[in-house]
Amino acid sequence: MMNRRRFIQIGATTILALGASRLGFAMKAENKVALRVIGTTDIHSFLTDFDYYKDAPTPKFGFTRTATLIEQARKEAKNSVLVDNGDLIQGNPIADYQAAKGYKILRLMP
């Protein structure tokens, strides 16, 4: 009698083998797609092009500037994907204030 683990191993191997054997027939050279990967990082909740620490405008960062750059990059490439590398919602007075507030539901949990 075949146990569950062995059944899954044989099933997965069969599916992979059948899929790989058809892969050469399914792919054609003219089916290439160019993909632009757009990445952001260290946004730190700067909503506009304003440095909250210096209390002054800045041309270096902000969601408004980032959105403009993303729109521009997407216009240049037909296919694109946007990924963020982290530090999106912490690291400045506005985000830190909200982060310290927390959610009521989390305080109610044991």
C-alpha atoms as a PDB file:
ATOM      1  CA  MET A   1       0.000   0.000   0.000  1.00  0.00           C
ATOM      2  CA  MET A   2       1.314   3.433  -0.962  1.00  0.00           C
ATOM      3  CA  ASN A   3       1.543   6.043   1.782  1.00  0.00           C
ATOM      4  CA  ARG A   4       0.618   9.684   1.264  1.00  0.00           C
ATOM      5  CA  ARG A   5       4.200  10.973   1.086  1.00  0.00           C
ATOM      6  CA  ARG A   6       5.196   8.481  -1.612  1.00  0.00           C
ATOM      7  CA  PHE A   7       2.022   9.268  -3.576  1.00  0.00           C
ATOM      8  CA  ILE A   8       2.841  13.009  -3.526  1.00  0.00           C
ATOM      9  CA  GLN A   9       6.450  12.331  -4.590  1.00  0.00           C
ATOM     10  CA  ILE A  10       5.407  10.187  -7.540  1.00  0.00           C
ATOM     11  CA  GLY A  11       2.631  12.604  -8.526  1.00  0.00           C
ATOM     12  CA  ALA A  12       4.925  15.642  -8.415  1.00  0.00           C
ATOM     13  CA  THR A  13       7.624  13.845 -10.404  1.00  0.00           C
ATOM     14  CA  THR A  14       5.092  12.808 -13.044  1.00  0.00           C
ATOM     15  CA  ILE A  15       3.683  16.322 -13.361  1.00  0.00           C
ATOM     16  CA  LEU A  16       7.160  17.834 -13.661  1.00  0.00           C
ATOM     17  CA  ALA A  17       8.242  15.265 -16.237  1.00  0.00           C
ATOM     18  CA  LEU A  18       5.154  15.776 -18.379  1.00  0.00           C
ATOM     19  CA  GLY A  19       5.409  19.546 -18.095  1.00  0.00           C
ATOM     20  CA  ALA A  20       9.102  19.597 -18.994  1.00  0.00           C
ATOM     21  CA  SER A  21       8.577  17.353 -22.011  1.00  0.00           C
ATOM     22  CA  ARG A  22       6.044  19.790 -23.481  1.00  0.00           C
ATOM     23  CA  LEU A  23       8.040  22.910 -22.612  1.00  0.00           C
ATOM     24  CA  GLY A  24      10.135  22.794 -25.786  1.00  0.00           C
ATOM     25  CA  PHE A  25       7.044  22.701 -27.970  1.00  0.00           C
ATOM     26  CA  ALA A  26       5.250  25.514 -26.146  1.00  0.00           C
ATOM     27  CA  MET A  27       8.046  28.076 -26.281  1.00  0.00           C
ATOM     28  CA  LYS A  28       8.851  29.975 -29.443  1.00  0.00           C
ATOM     29  CA  ALA A  29      11.619  32.506 -29.976  1.00  0.00           C
ATOM     30  CA  GLU A  30       9.204  35.249 -31.000  1.00  0.00           C
ATOM     31  CA  ASN A  31       7.368  35.029 -27.670  1.00  0.00           C
ATOM     32  CA  LYS A  32       9.906  37.149 -25.822  1.00  0.00           C
ATOM     33  CA  VAL A  33       8.585  39.861 -23.539  1.00  0.00           C
ATOM     34  CA  ALA A  34      10.578  42.797 -22.229  1.00  0.00           C
ATOM     35  CA  LEU A  35       9.777  43.540 -18.596  1.00  0.00           C
ATOM     36  CA  ARG A  36      10.932  46.612 -16.700  1.00  0.00           C
ATOM     37  CA  VAL A  37      11.264  46.084 -12.958  1.00  0.00           C
ATOM     38  CA  ILE A  38      10.803  49.359 -11.100  1.00  0.00           C
ATOM     39  CA  GLY A  39      12.038  49.349  -7.522  1.00  0.00           C
ATOM     40  CA  THR A  40      11.602  51.734  -4.633  1.00  0.00           C
ATOM     41  CA  THR A  41      13.204  51.690  -1.211  1.00  0.00           C
ATOM     42  CA  ASP A  42      13.481  53.835   1.897  1.00  0.00           C
ATOM     43  CA  ILE A  43      10.406  55.968   1.161  1.00  0.00           C
ATOM     44  CA  HIS A  44       9.947  56.545   4.925  1.00  0.00           C
ATOM     45  CA  SER A  45       6.435  58.017   4.543  1.00  0.00           C
ATOM     46  CA  PHE A  46       7.643  61.275   3.055  1.00  0.00           C
ATOM     47  CA  LEU A  47       4.307  62.173   1.487  1.00  0.00           C
ATOM     48  CA  THR A  48       5.477  65.238  -0.408  1.00  0.00           C
ATOM     49  CA  ASP A  49       8.774  66.761  -1.442  1.00  0.00           C
ATOM     50  CA  PHE A  50       9.207  68.303   2.010  1.00  0.00           C
ATOM     51  CA  ASP A  51      11.896  67.456   4.574  1.00  0.00           C
ATOM     52  CA  TYR A  52      10.092  67.312   7.924  1.00  0.00           C
ATOM     53  CA  TYR A  53      13.356  67.394   9.876  1.00  0.00           C
ATOM     54  CA  LYS A  54      14.693  70.518   8.149  1.00  0.00           C
ATOM     55  CA  ASP A  55      11.220  72.083   7.825  1.00  0.00           C
ATOM     56  CA  ALA A  56      11.985  72.928   4.215  1.00  0.00           C
ATOM     57  CA  PRO A  57      11.121  71.759   0.675  1.00  0.00           C
ATOM     58  CA  THR A  58      13.483  69.276  -0.959  1.00  0.00           C
ATOM     59  CA  PRO A  59      13.834  67.984  -4.528  1.00  0.00           C
ATOM     60  CA  LYS A  60      15.391  64.718  -3.279  1.00  0.00           C
ATOM     61  CA  PHE A  61      12.412  62.604  -2.183  1.00  0.00           C
ATOM     62  CA  GLY A  62       8.684  62.268  -1.492  1.00  0.00           C
ATOM     63  CA  PHE A  63       5.714  60.215  -2.715  1.00  0.00           C
ATOM     64  CA  THR A  64       4.752  62.951  -5.146  1.00  0.00           C
ATOM     65  CA  ARG A  65       8.185  62.910  -6.797  1.00  0.00           C
ATOM     66  CA  THR A  66       8.331  59.119  -6.693  1.00  0.00           C
ATOM     67  CA  ALA A  67       4.912  58.809  -8.353  1.00  0.00           C
ATOM     68  CA  THR A  68       6.054  61.110 -11.152  1.00  0.00           C
ATOM     69  CA  LEU A  69       9.185  59.014 -11.736  1.00  0.00           C
ATOM     70  CA  ILE A  70       7.172  55.775 -11.707  1.00  0.00           C
ATOM     71  CA  GLU A  71       4.692  57.162 -14.255  1.00  0.00           C
ATOM     72  CA  GLN A  72       7.583  58.249 -16.468  1.00  0.00           C
ATOM     73  CA  ALA A  73       9.247  54.818 -16.269  1.00  0.00           C
ATOM     74  CA  ARG A  74       5.967  53.055 -17.070  1.00  0.00           C
ATOM     75  CA  LYS A  75       5.459  55.211 -20.163  1.00  0.00           C
ATOM     76  CA  GLU A  76       8.896  54.146 -21.437  1.00  0.00           C
ATOM     77  CA  ALA A  77       8.172  50.400 -21.137  1.00  0.00           C
ATOM     78  CA  LYS A  78       5.074  48.506 -22.221  1.00  0.00           C
ATOM     79  CA  ASN A  79       5.371  45.888 -19.455  1.00  0.00           C
ATOM     80  CA  SER A  80       6.487  46.833 -15.968  1.00  0.00           C
ATOM     81  CA  VAL A  81       6.172  45.728 -12.370  1.00  0.00           C
ATOM     82  CA  LEU A  82       6.700  47.887  -9.284  1.00  0.00           C
ATOM     83  CA  VAL A  83       8.260  46.437  -6.129  1.00  0.00           C
ATOM     84  CA  ASP A  84       9.182  48.134  -2.863  1.00  0.00           C
ATOM     85  CA  ASN A  85      12.205  47.057  -0.853  1.00  0.00           C
ATOM     86  CA  GLY A  86      10.965  48.210   2.540  1.00  0.00           C
ATOM     87  CA  ASP A  87      11.040  51.090   5.006  1.00  0.00           C
ATOM     88  CA  LEU A  88       7.851  52.411   3.477  1.00  0.00           C
ATOM     89  CA  ILE A  89       5.956  53.498   6.594  1.00  0.00           C
ATOM     90  CA  GLN A  90       8.516  54.398   9.249  1.00  0.00           C
ATOM     91  CA  GLY A  91      11.402  56.768   9.701  1.00  0.00           C
ATOM     92  CA  ASN A  92       9.977  60.279   9.939  1.00  0.00           C
ATOM     93  CA  PRO A  93       7.819  62.249  12.401  1.00  0.00           C
ATOM     94  CA  ILE A  94       4.503  61.588  10.611  1.00  0.00           C
ATOM     95  CA  ALA A  95       5.024  57.830  10.308  1.00  0.00           C
ATOM     96  CA  ASP A  96       6.543  57.442  13.773  1.00  0.00           C
ATOM     97  CA  TYR A  97       3.583  59.224  15.352  1.00  0.00           C
ATOM     98  CA  GLN A  98       1.129  56.889  13.631  1.00  0.00           C
ATOM     99  CA  ALA A  99       3.267  53.816  14.331  1.00  0.00           C
ATOM    100  CA  ALA A 100       3.283  54.525  18.079  1.00  0.00           C
ATOM    101  CA  LYS A 101      -0.504  54.916  18.127  1.00  0.00           C
ATOM    102  CA  GLY A 102      -1.215  51.303  17.146  1.00  0.00           C
ATOM    103  CA  TYR A 103      -4.542  49.598  16.532  1.00  0.00           C
ATOM    104  CA  LYS A 104      -7.181  49.200  19.255  1.00  0.00           C
ATOM    105  CA  ILE A 105      -7.820  45.580  18.282  1.00  0.00           C
ATOM    106  CA  LEU A 106      -4.206  44.643  18.987  1.00  0.00           C
ATOM    107  CA  ARG A 107      -4.411  46.049  22.521  1.00  0.00           C
ATOM    108  CA  LEU A 108      -7.521  43.931  23.165  1.00  0.00           C
ATOM    109  CA  MET A 109      -5.806  40.673  22.256  1.00  0.00           C
ATOM    110  CA  PRO A 110      -4.444  38.579  25.148  1.00  0.00           C
END
